[in-house]
Amino acid sequence: MSSEKLFAILIACLCLTNELALSEAVKYCYSDDEHPYLQAGTKTAYEVEHGIIKNTTVPNCKPMQIWMLIRHGTRNPGKEEIKNMKHNLPELQQKIIKNHEQYRKGSLCKKDLEKLRTWKLDANLDKHKHKHLTAQGKKDLSSLGARFKDYFPELLQSYPLDSSRRKYKFRSTDIERTIVSMDSFINGLFGNATVNNTEVVPTSKDTLLQLYKICKSWLDQVSNSSDKNEVDKLLNGSLFSEIIGNVSQRLGFSHRLSFDDVLIMYTACSFENAWHIDERSPWCAAFTKGEKEIFEYEEDLYCYYYSSYGQILSSVVGCPPLQDMFNHFTKLENGDSNEEPQGIFYFAHSTTLQLLLTTMEIAKDSVPLKASNYETMRNRKWRTSRLAPFAANLAAVFYKCDSSNKVRLYLNEKPLHYEGCEAGVCDWEYLKKKIGFKAFNCNTNICTK
């Protein structure tokens, strides 16, 4: 056989291989994926991550008080994100459809392309309501309240008509999304009962839930830290460069899309999946599971150096809620149950919760997160999708027992895996030895220096 014939056969085989590869790629439809990757850092829908508490009984113990720190529910994006979604997405939508249908470029399947064609930006999305709670956000919190009433009927009964009996304490930051979250949670607990002991504290005076907003030393440390460059290193490195190239090709563009265009598509994917938990955003079809995991890591990296172990002062700024919890539990330990509420509920933000988790040394990795160690940190503990999705919450229940008192810890309605505790049940004396020094010596004077 001549060399020319061999060359022709080789070319034919290569073409066939490429066609088969393209065919296999086209066979995948995000719309048909029964197990899509829905973890999106702090923009993860609560329905994706929360558990169901099946047993609240602790042998020979009686629950005396539940203490909860709760992040607001699903919200709208920020003002700039809304602006970019409105300006960029419709134009990208039309170009992607044209790439596939007119130029025969791109590899979205027909079903994903059709869903993108019929996509419309949420009519309720308004820059004047940036970061406001959404309808799903209200549902997140009302459902959460209803479930906790079922979990702990001994503690969470009907709201007392006698307003002098302060059975429950509710406090929120002075932000629309946390105030509405508090109201929705109360509605889930007690229906339409009028609750007259809610408290909303202005940010400038909120040393319990928003100390990080007014602590100059911590703010200076965050803004001056060289470690924040880790996020820039990741964004400007080979991983994101490859994502931009892959997404551009997948959507049929002959040129590389800008990072801003790729980011706004990912933003739409994340928020729309959280807004409509029974649907899937067509923008998610632009990304593979692996690419979404890298976006997730980028936010974990940011949070690690903003509100967690990457900052030395994080455990100091995060200690006021822990101090509050320990002060309440200490009063119960000392027999002051008549003066203590049965339920204490605080409504705040992702940063508040992350700082508290850091103070408690929850989800602490033995190796710091870096731009360079993504592959080796795939199984990291610090994962904001699991720790701080929308409506994330830490619940601590104090039990008075025949022998040693107990505290049961839940994170997002799952028993918290905490060192020295079994299935989230800790001896109160053990907790005092483990983290009591942080709670009882919560010195925030550094914030005023």
Protein backbone atom coordinates (compact mmCIF):
# COMPACT_ATOMS: atom_id res chain seq x y z
CA MET A 1 0.00 0.00 0.00
CA SER A 2 1.35 3.38 -0.99
CA SER A 3 2.27 5.99 1.58
CA GLU A 4 -0.38 8.29 0.09
CA LYS A 5 -3.15 5.74 0.79
CA LEU A 6 -1.88 5.14 4.32
CA PHE A 7 -1.90 8.88 4.94
CA ALA A 8 -5.47 9.19 3.60
CA ILE A 9 -6.65 6.34 5.84
CA LEU A 10 -4.97 7.95 8.85
CA ILE A 11 -6.65 11.28 8.15
CA ALA A 12 -10.03 9.55 7.77
CA CYS A 13 -9.57 7.76 11.09
CA LEU A 14 -8.65 11.00 12.84
CA CYS A 15 -11.69 12.74 11.43
CA LEU A 16 -13.93 9.88 12.53
CA THR A 17 -12.40 9.97 16.00
CA ASN A 18 -13.02 13.70 16.26
CA GLU A 19 -16.61 13.29 15.08
CA LEU A 20 -17.22 10.55 17.64
CA ALA A 21 -15.69 12.69 20.39
CA LEU A 22 -17.90 15.62 19.39
CA SER A 23 -20.89 13.29 19.27
CA GLU A 24 -20.17 12.05 22.78
CA ALA A 25 -19.83 15.65 24.02
CA VAL A 26 -23.14 16.63 22.44
CA LYS A 27 -24.85 13.64 24.04
CA TYR A 28 -24.45 15.22 27.47
CA CYS A 29 -27.35 17.48 28.41
CA TYR A 30 -27.22 19.48 31.60
CA SER A 31 -31.03 19.55 31.49
CA ASP A 32 -31.12 15.74 31.73
CA ASP A 33 -28.43 15.39 34.40
CA GLU A 34 -30.12 13.74 37.39
CA HIS A 35 -27.23 14.67 39.68
CA PRO A 36 -26.04 18.13 38.59
CA TYR A 37 -23.37 19.88 40.62
CA LEU A 38 -25.28 22.47 42.66
CA GLN A 39 -22.66 23.52 45.20
CA ALA A 40 -21.86 27.19 44.61
CA GLY A 41 -20.17 28.43 47.78
CA THR A 42 -22.24 30.88 49.79
CA LYS A 43 -24.75 31.08 46.90
CA THR A 44 -25.71 27.43 47.38
CA ALA A 45 -29.43 26.77 47.88
CA TYR A 46 -30.22 25.63 51.41
CA GLU A 47 -32.34 22.79 50.02
CA VAL A 48 -29.19 21.29 48.52
CA GLU A 49 -27.27 21.09 51.79
CA HIS A 50 -29.53 20.84 54.82
CA GLY A 51 -30.26 17.64 56.67
CA ILE A 52 -33.27 16.46 58.67
CA ILE A 53 -32.94 16.01 62.43
CA LYS A 54 -34.40 12.60 63.26
CA ASN A 55 -33.66 12.22 66.96
CA THR A 56 -33.27 14.96 69.57
CA THR A 57 -33.38 12.70 72.61
CA VAL A 58 -30.38 12.56 74.93
CA PRO A 59 -30.75 9.75 77.55
CA ASN A 60 -31.49 11.00 81.08
CA CYS A 61 -31.47 14.60 79.89
CA LYS A 62 -34.04 17.33 79.32
CA PRO A 63 -33.63 20.10 76.72
CA MET A 64 -33.64 23.49 78.41
CA GLN A 65 -32.71 25.98 75.72
CA ILE A 66 -31.97 26.24 72.03
CA TRP A 67 -29.52 28.88 70.78
CA MET A 68 -29.27 29.55 67.04
CA LEU A 69 -27.27 31.77 64.72
CA ILE A 70 -29.01 31.88 61.34
CA ARG A 71 -27.88 33.34 58.04
CA HIS A 72 -30.51 35.10 55.94
CA GLY A 73 -32.23 33.11 53.19
CA THR A 74 -31.79 33.27 49.43
CA ARG A 75 -31.27 36.83 48.21
CA ASN A 76 -30.87 38.88 45.06
CA PRO A 77 -27.38 39.61 43.70
CA GLY A 78 -25.55 42.88 44.35
CA LYS A 79 -26.19 46.07 42.40
CA GLU A 80 -23.30 45.60 39.93
CA GLU A 81 -24.18 41.96 39.37
CA ILE A 82 -27.79 42.89 38.54
CA LYS A 83 -26.55 45.58 36.16
CA ASN A 84 -24.24 43.13 34.39
CA MET A 85 -26.90 40.43 34.21
CA LYS A 86 -29.34 42.81 32.57
CA HIS A 87 -26.77 44.24 30.15
CA ASN A 88 -24.68 41.22 29.20
CA LEU A 89 -26.81 38.07 29.42
CA PRO A 90 -29.43 38.81 26.70
CA GLU A 91 -26.65 39.69 24.25
CA LEU A 92 -24.70 36.53 25.12
CA GLN A 93 -27.90 34.51 24.80
CA GLN A 94 -28.47 35.65 21.22
CA LYS A 95 -24.84 35.13 20.20
CA ILE A 96 -24.72 31.59 21.59
CA ILE A 97 -27.89 30.61 19.73
CA LYS A 98 -26.52 32.16 16.53
CA ASN A 99 -23.20 30.35 16.98
CA HIS A 100 -24.95 26.99 17.15
CA GLU A 101 -27.69 27.45 14.57
CA GLN A 102 -26.15 29.74 11.96
CA TYR A 103 -22.43 29.02 12.26
CA ARG A 104 -22.76 25.39 13.43
CA LYS A 105 -20.29 25.99 16.24
CA GLY A 106 -20.56 25.06 19.88
CA SER A 107 -21.47 21.83 21.63
CA LEU A 108 -24.60 22.50 23.69
CA CYS A 109 -27.20 19.80 23.25
CA LYS A 110 -30.54 20.69 21.65
CA LYS A 111 -32.44 20.65 24.93
CA ASP A 112 -29.96 22.96 26.68
CA LEU A 113 -29.95 25.28 23.66
CA GLU A 114 -33.75 25.39 23.62
CA LYS A 115 -33.87 26.21 27.32
CA LEU A 116 -31.38 29.00 26.76
CA ARG A 117 -33.53 30.31 23.87
CA THR A 118 -36.63 30.57 26.11
CA TRP A 119 -34.69 32.03 29.06
CA LYS A 120 -35.75 35.42 30.35
CA LEU A 121 -34.25 37.44 33.16
CA ASP A 122 -36.41 37.42 36.29
CA ALA A 123 -38.82 40.33 35.95
CA ASN A 124 -38.54 41.05 39.68
CA LEU A 125 -34.79 41.65 39.46
CA ASP A 126 -34.28 45.33 40.21
CA LYS A 127 -31.11 47.15 41.22
CA HIS A 128 -33.12 48.99 43.86
CA LYS A 129 -33.74 45.61 45.50
CA HIS A 130 -30.15 44.43 45.36
CA LYS A 131 -29.38 41.83 48.00
CA HIS A 132 -33.02 41.82 49.13
CA LEU A 133 -34.57 38.55 50.25
CA THR A 134 -36.38 36.61 47.51
CA ALA A 135 -39.59 34.59 47.69
CA GLN A 136 -37.45 31.46 48.06
CA GLY A 137 -35.54 33.19 50.85
CA LYS A 138 -38.75 33.69 52.81
CA LYS A 139 -39.63 30.05 52.24
CA ASP A 140 -36.16 28.95 53.39
CA LEU A 141 -36.69 30.58 56.77
CA SER A 142 -40.38 29.78 57.33
CA SER A 143 -39.72 26.11 56.54
CA LEU A 144 -36.71 26.15 58.87
CA GLY A 145 -38.82 27.56 61.70
CA ALA A 146 -41.57 24.99 61.15
CA ARG A 147 -39.08 22.10 61.20
CA PHE A 148 -37.40 23.26 64.40
CA LYS A 149 -40.77 23.53 66.10
CA ASP A 150 -41.32 19.87 65.17
CA TYR A 151 -37.80 18.91 66.30
CA PHE A 152 -38.09 20.52 69.74
CA PRO A 153 -41.76 20.69 70.79
CA GLU A 154 -40.72 20.89 74.47
CA LEU A 155 -38.95 24.17 73.81
CA LEU A 156 -40.84 25.68 70.90
CA GLN A 157 -44.52 25.81 71.71
CA SER A 158 -47.13 28.39 70.76
CA TYR A 159 -46.13 31.97 71.27
CA PRO A 160 -47.18 33.09 74.79
CA LEU A 161 -50.03 35.59 74.87
CA ASP A 162 -48.66 37.02 78.08
CA SER A 163 -46.00 39.38 76.73
CA SER A 164 -44.30 39.57 80.11
CA ARG A 165 -43.16 35.97 79.71
CA ARG A 166 -40.06 36.29 77.56
CA LYS A 167 -39.88 32.69 76.40
CA TYR A 168 -38.12 33.56 73.19
CA LYS A 169 -35.55 36.09 72.06
CA PHE A 170 -35.21 37.26 68.47
CA ARG A 171 -32.54 39.65 67.20
CA SER A 172 -31.52 40.71 63.69
CA THR A 173 -28.97 42.95 62.03
CA ASP A 174 -30.33 46.18 60.59
CA ILE A 175 -30.52 44.88 57.01
CA GLU A 176 -33.62 44.14 54.95
CA ARG A 177 -32.73 40.52 54.20
CA THR A 178 -32.06 39.59 57.83
CA ILE A 179 -35.13 41.39 59.19
CA VAL A 180 -37.41 39.69 56.67
CA SER A 181 -35.66 36.37 57.39
CA MET A 182 -36.40 36.82 61.10
CA ASP A 183 -40.06 37.58 60.39
CA SER A 184 -40.33 34.55 58.09
CA PHE A 185 -38.72 32.25 60.67
CA ILE A 186 -41.12 33.48 63.36
CA ASN A 187 -44.02 32.85 61.00
CA GLY A 188 -42.81 29.28 60.52
CA LEU A 189 -42.56 28.82 64.28
CA PHE A 190 -45.77 30.47 65.44
CA GLY A 191 -47.91 31.24 62.41
CA ASN A 192 -49.41 34.71 62.40
CA ALA A 193 -48.81 35.36 66.09
CA THR A 194 -47.76 38.90 66.95
CA VAL A 195 -44.26 38.77 68.38
CA ASN A 196 -43.45 41.95 70.27
CA ASN A 197 -39.94 41.28 71.53
CA THR A 198 -37.90 41.29 68.35
CA GLU A 199 -34.79 43.44 68.30
CA VAL A 200 -33.05 45.10 65.35
CA VAL A 201 -29.64 46.60 66.09
CA PRO A 202 -27.98 49.24 63.87
CA THR A 203 -24.66 48.14 62.38
CA SER A 204 -22.73 50.94 64.09
CA LYS A 205 -23.75 49.56 67.49
CA ASP A 206 -23.84 45.84 66.70
CA THR A 207 -20.91 44.37 68.61
CA LEU A 208 -22.61 40.96 68.80
CA LEU A 209 -23.47 40.08 65.20
CA GLN A 210 -21.49 42.57 63.10
CA LEU A 211 -18.35 43.39 65.06
CA TYR A 212 -16.38 42.73 61.88
CA LYS A 213 -18.04 45.75 60.26
CA ILE A 214 -16.82 48.15 62.95
CA CYS A 215 -13.58 46.55 64.18
CA LYS A 216 -10.86 48.79 62.74
CA SER A 217 -7.97 46.46 63.61
CA TRP A 218 -9.59 43.55 61.79
CA LEU A 219 -10.60 45.66 58.81
CA ASP A 220 -7.07 47.03 58.53
CA GLN A 221 -5.63 43.52 58.70
CA VAL A 222 -7.93 42.27 55.96
CA SER A 223 -7.24 45.19 53.62
CA ASN A 224 -3.47 45.08 54.14
CA SER A 225 -2.99 41.32 54.08
CA SER A 226 -0.78 39.99 51.31
CA ASP A 227 -2.57 36.66 51.54
CA LYS A 228 -5.61 38.07 49.73
CA ASN A 229 -3.44 37.87 46.64
CA GLU A 230 -4.11 34.13 46.67
CA VAL A 231 -7.48 34.81 45.07
CA ASP A 232 -5.88 36.97 42.37
CA LYS A 233 -3.29 34.27 41.72
CA LEU A 234 -6.04 31.71 41.17
CA LEU A 235 -8.10 33.99 38.93
CA ASN A 236 -5.06 34.93 36.83
CA GLY A 237 -3.63 31.43 36.70
CA SER A 238 -3.92 28.49 34.33
CA LEU A 239 -7.09 26.99 35.86
CA PHE A 240 -9.28 29.98 35.07
CA SER A 241 -7.54 30.59 31.76
CA GLU A 242 -8.51 27.06 30.76
CA ILE A 243 -12.09 27.58 31.92
CA ILE A 244 -12.44 30.72 29.79
CA GLY A 245 -11.07 28.90 26.74
CA ASN A 246 -13.28 25.84 27.26
CA VAL A 247 -16.47 27.86 27.85
CA SER A 248 -15.77 30.03 24.81
CA GLN A 249 -15.34 26.96 22.62
CA ARG A 250 -18.29 25.12 24.17
CA LEU A 251 -20.59 28.04 23.39
CA GLY A 252 -19.33 28.37 19.83
CA PHE A 253 -17.22 31.54 20.01
CA SER A 254 -14.23 31.80 17.69
CA HIS A 255 -12.61 34.26 20.12
CA ARG A 256 -11.98 34.01 23.85
CA LEU A 257 -14.75 35.47 25.95
CA SER A 258 -13.83 38.01 28.60
CA PHE A 259 -13.59 36.86 32.19
CA ASP A 260 -16.49 39.20 33.04
CA ASP A 261 -18.74 37.44 30.51
CA VAL A 262 -17.86 34.01 31.86
CA LEU A 263 -18.31 35.21 35.44
CA ILE A 264 -21.76 36.72 34.84
CA MET A 265 -22.93 33.43 33.28
CA TYR A 266 -21.70 31.56 36.35
CA THR A 267 -23.39 34.16 38.58
CA ALA A 268 -26.69 33.63 36.76
CA CYS A 269 -26.26 29.87 37.04
CA SER A 270 -25.70 30.04 40.82
CA PHE A 271 -28.42 32.52 41.71
CA GLU A 272 -31.11 31.09 39.42
CA ASN A 273 -30.56 27.60 40.83
CA ALA A 274 -31.01 29.03 44.33
CA TRP A 275 -34.08 31.10 43.39
CA HIS A 276 -35.90 28.20 41.74
CA ILE A 277 -34.92 24.99 43.51
CA ASP A 278 -37.11 22.80 41.29
CA GLU A 279 -35.58 24.14 38.09
CA ARG A 280 -32.09 24.37 36.60
CA SER A 281 -30.65 27.55 35.13
CA PRO A 282 -29.79 27.10 31.44
CA TRP A 283 -26.61 29.12 32.05
CA CYS A 284 -25.19 26.22 34.05
CA ALA A 285 -24.89 24.23 30.80
CA ALA A 286 -21.94 26.48 29.91
CA PHE A 287 -19.82 24.78 32.60
CA THR A 288 -18.63 21.29 33.42
CA LYS A 289 -18.78 19.91 36.95
CA GLY A 290 -15.03 20.36 37.27
CA GLU A 291 -15.23 24.01 36.24
CA LYS A 292 -17.97 24.68 38.80
CA GLU A 293 -15.76 23.09 41.45
CA ILE A 294 -12.98 25.54 40.60
CA PHE A 295 -15.39 28.50 40.89
CA GLU A 296 -16.46 27.06 44.24
CA TYR A 297 -12.82 26.87 45.35
CA GLU A 298 -12.27 30.51 44.38
CA GLU A 299 -14.98 31.60 46.83
CA ASP A 300 -13.68 29.26 49.52
CA LEU A 301 -10.26 30.82 49.04
CA TYR A 302 -11.71 34.33 49.32
CA CYS A 303 -13.66 33.49 52.49
CA TYR A 304 -10.68 31.68 54.00
CA TYR A 305 -8.62 34.88 53.90
CA TYR A 306 -11.50 37.26 54.61
CA SER A 307 -13.50 35.63 57.39
CA SER A 308 -11.71 32.51 58.52
CA TYR A 309 -8.39 30.91 59.38
CA GLY A 310 -6.41 33.03 56.93
CA GLN A 311 -6.75 36.04 59.25
CA ILE A 312 -5.19 36.04 62.72
CA LEU A 313 -7.92 38.21 64.25
CA SER A 314 -10.84 36.20 62.89
CA SER A 315 -11.24 34.12 66.05
CA VAL A 316 -11.26 37.34 68.12
CA VAL A 317 -13.87 39.07 65.96
CA GLY A 318 -15.92 35.86 65.89
CA CYS A 319 -16.05 35.34 69.65
CA PRO A 320 -19.03 37.55 70.74
CA PRO A 321 -21.73 35.08 69.58
CA LEU A 322 -19.81 32.23 71.29
CA GLN A 323 -19.58 34.30 74.47
CA ASP A 324 -23.33 34.95 74.29
CA MET A 325 -24.05 31.22 73.91
CA PHE A 326 -21.79 30.28 76.84
CA ASN A 327 -23.24 33.00 79.08
CA HIS A 328 -26.77 31.71 78.53
CA PHE A 329 -25.77 28.09 79.08
CA THR A 330 -23.83 28.98 82.24
CA LYS A 331 -26.95 30.56 83.73
CA LEU A 332 -28.86 27.34 83.03
CA GLU A 333 -26.06 25.33 84.60
CA ASN A 334 -26.34 27.49 87.71
CA GLY A 335 -30.10 26.95 87.96
CA ASP A 336 -31.35 30.25 86.54
CA SER A 337 -33.78 28.57 84.14
CA ASN A 338 -36.72 30.76 85.17
CA GLU A 339 -34.88 33.84 83.96
CA GLU A 340 -33.69 32.31 80.71
CA PRO A 341 -35.64 32.14 77.41
CA GLN A 342 -36.30 28.72 75.91
CA GLY A 343 -35.20 29.85 72.48
CA ILE A 344 -32.62 32.44 71.38
CA PHE A 345 -32.47 33.22 67.68
CA TYR A 346 -30.04 35.57 65.95
CA PHE A 347 -30.30 36.51 62.26
CA ALA A 348 -27.15 37.67 60.54
CA HIS A 349 -24.85 37.06 57.60
CA SER A 350 -22.48 34.53 56.10
CA THR A 351 -19.47 36.38 57.53
CA THR A 352 -20.93 36.27 61.06
CA LEU A 353 -21.39 32.51 60.85
CA GLN A 354 -17.99 31.86 59.27
CA LEU A 355 -16.23 33.87 61.97
CA LEU A 356 -18.05 31.93 64.70
CA LEU A 357 -17.16 28.59 63.10
CA THR A 358 -13.55 29.75 62.97
CA THR A 359 -13.59 30.73 66.64
CA MET A 360 -14.91 27.25 67.46
CA GLU A 361 -12.22 25.69 65.23
CA ILE A 362 -14.80 23.98 63.04
CA ALA A 363 -13.75 22.80 59.54
CA LYS A 364 -10.10 23.64 60.12
CA ASP A 365 -7.73 22.13 57.58
CA SER A 366 -4.21 21.13 58.54
CA VAL A 367 -2.89 22.87 55.42
CA PRO A 368 -3.80 26.47 54.45
CA LEU A 369 -5.81 26.97 51.26
CA LYS A 370 -3.67 28.39 48.47
CA ALA A 371 -4.06 29.19 44.78
CA SER A 372 -1.43 26.56 44.08
CA ASN A 373 -2.90 23.60 46.00
CA TYR A 374 -6.40 23.26 44.55
CA GLU A 375 -5.86 19.65 43.47
CA THR A 376 -4.61 18.50 46.87
CA MET A 377 -7.42 20.37 48.66
CA ARG A 378 -10.29 18.74 46.80
CA ASN A 379 -11.36 17.06 50.06
CA ARG A 380 -10.87 20.17 52.19
CA LYS A 381 -12.91 20.79 55.32
CA TRP A 382 -13.34 24.51 54.67
CA ARG A 383 -16.11 24.36 52.09
CA THR A 384 -18.56 27.25 52.19
CA SER A 385 -21.15 25.34 50.15
CA ARG A 386 -21.58 23.02 53.14
CA LEU A 387 -20.81 25.47 55.92
CA ALA A 388 -22.54 28.68 54.85
CA PRO A 389 -25.15 28.25 52.09
CA PHE A 390 -28.19 30.53 52.07
CA ALA A 391 -30.12 30.13 55.37
CA ALA A 392 -27.16 28.33 56.99
CA ASN A 393 -27.49 27.92 60.74
CA LEU A 394 -25.67 26.71 63.81
CA ALA A 395 -27.92 25.37 66.56
CA ALA A 396 -26.76 24.55 70.08
CA VAL A 397 -29.18 22.89 72.53
CA PHE A 398 -28.44 22.80 76.25
CA TYR A 399 -29.60 19.69 78.09
CA LYS A 400 -29.92 19.43 81.88
CA CYS A 401 -28.97 15.86 82.78
CA ASP A 402 -29.01 13.51 85.76
CA SER A 403 -25.21 13.44 85.74
CA SER A 404 -23.17 15.70 83.45
CA ASN A 405 -25.01 18.33 81.38
CA LYS A 406 -24.82 18.11 77.59
CA VAL A 407 -24.81 20.43 74.59
CA ARG A 408 -25.98 19.12 71.25
CA LEU A 409 -24.63 20.89 68.16
CA TYR A 410 -26.19 20.98 64.69
CA LEU A 411 -24.92 22.66 61.55
CA ASN A 412 -27.57 23.06 58.85
CA GLU A 413 -29.76 20.45 60.56
CA LYS A 414 -26.98 17.87 60.61
CA PRO A 415 -25.20 16.68 63.78
CA LEU A 416 -21.95 18.61 63.91
CA HIS A 417 -18.86 16.42 63.70
CA TYR A 418 -16.89 18.05 66.47
CA GLU A 419 -13.73 16.69 68.02
CA GLY A 420 -14.45 15.02 71.38
CA CYS A 421 -18.22 14.86 70.80
CA GLU A 422 -20.25 11.91 69.58
CA ALA A 423 -22.76 12.68 66.82
CA GLY A 424 -22.78 16.32 67.90
CA VAL A 425 -23.45 15.58 71.58
CA CYS A 426 -20.82 17.16 73.81
CA ASP A 427 -20.32 17.13 77.56
CA TRP A 428 -20.78 20.70 78.75
CA GLU A 429 -17.67 20.39 80.94
CA TYR A 430 -15.67 19.24 77.91
CA LEU A 431 -16.85 22.21 75.82
CA LYS A 432 -15.86 24.61 78.57
CA LYS A 433 -12.37 23.12 78.60
CA LYS A 434 -12.09 23.05 74.80
CA ILE A 435 -13.31 26.53 73.85
CA GLY A 436 -14.51 28.11 77.10
CA PHE A 437 -11.38 30.26 77.33
CA LYS A 438 -12.34 31.90 74.01
CA ALA A 439 -15.91 32.48 75.18
CA PHE A 440 -15.23 33.70 78.70
CA ASN A 441 -12.19 35.76 77.68
CA CYS A 442 -13.73 37.35 74.62
CA ASN A 443 -11.68 40.51 74.62
CA THR A 444 -12.64 42.80 71.77
CA ASN A 445 -10.75 45.82 73.10
CA ILE A 446 -8.35 45.41 70.19
CA CYS A 447 -11.13 46.73 67.96
CA THR A 448 -11.06 50.12 69.66
CA LYS A 449 -7.29 50.58 69.49
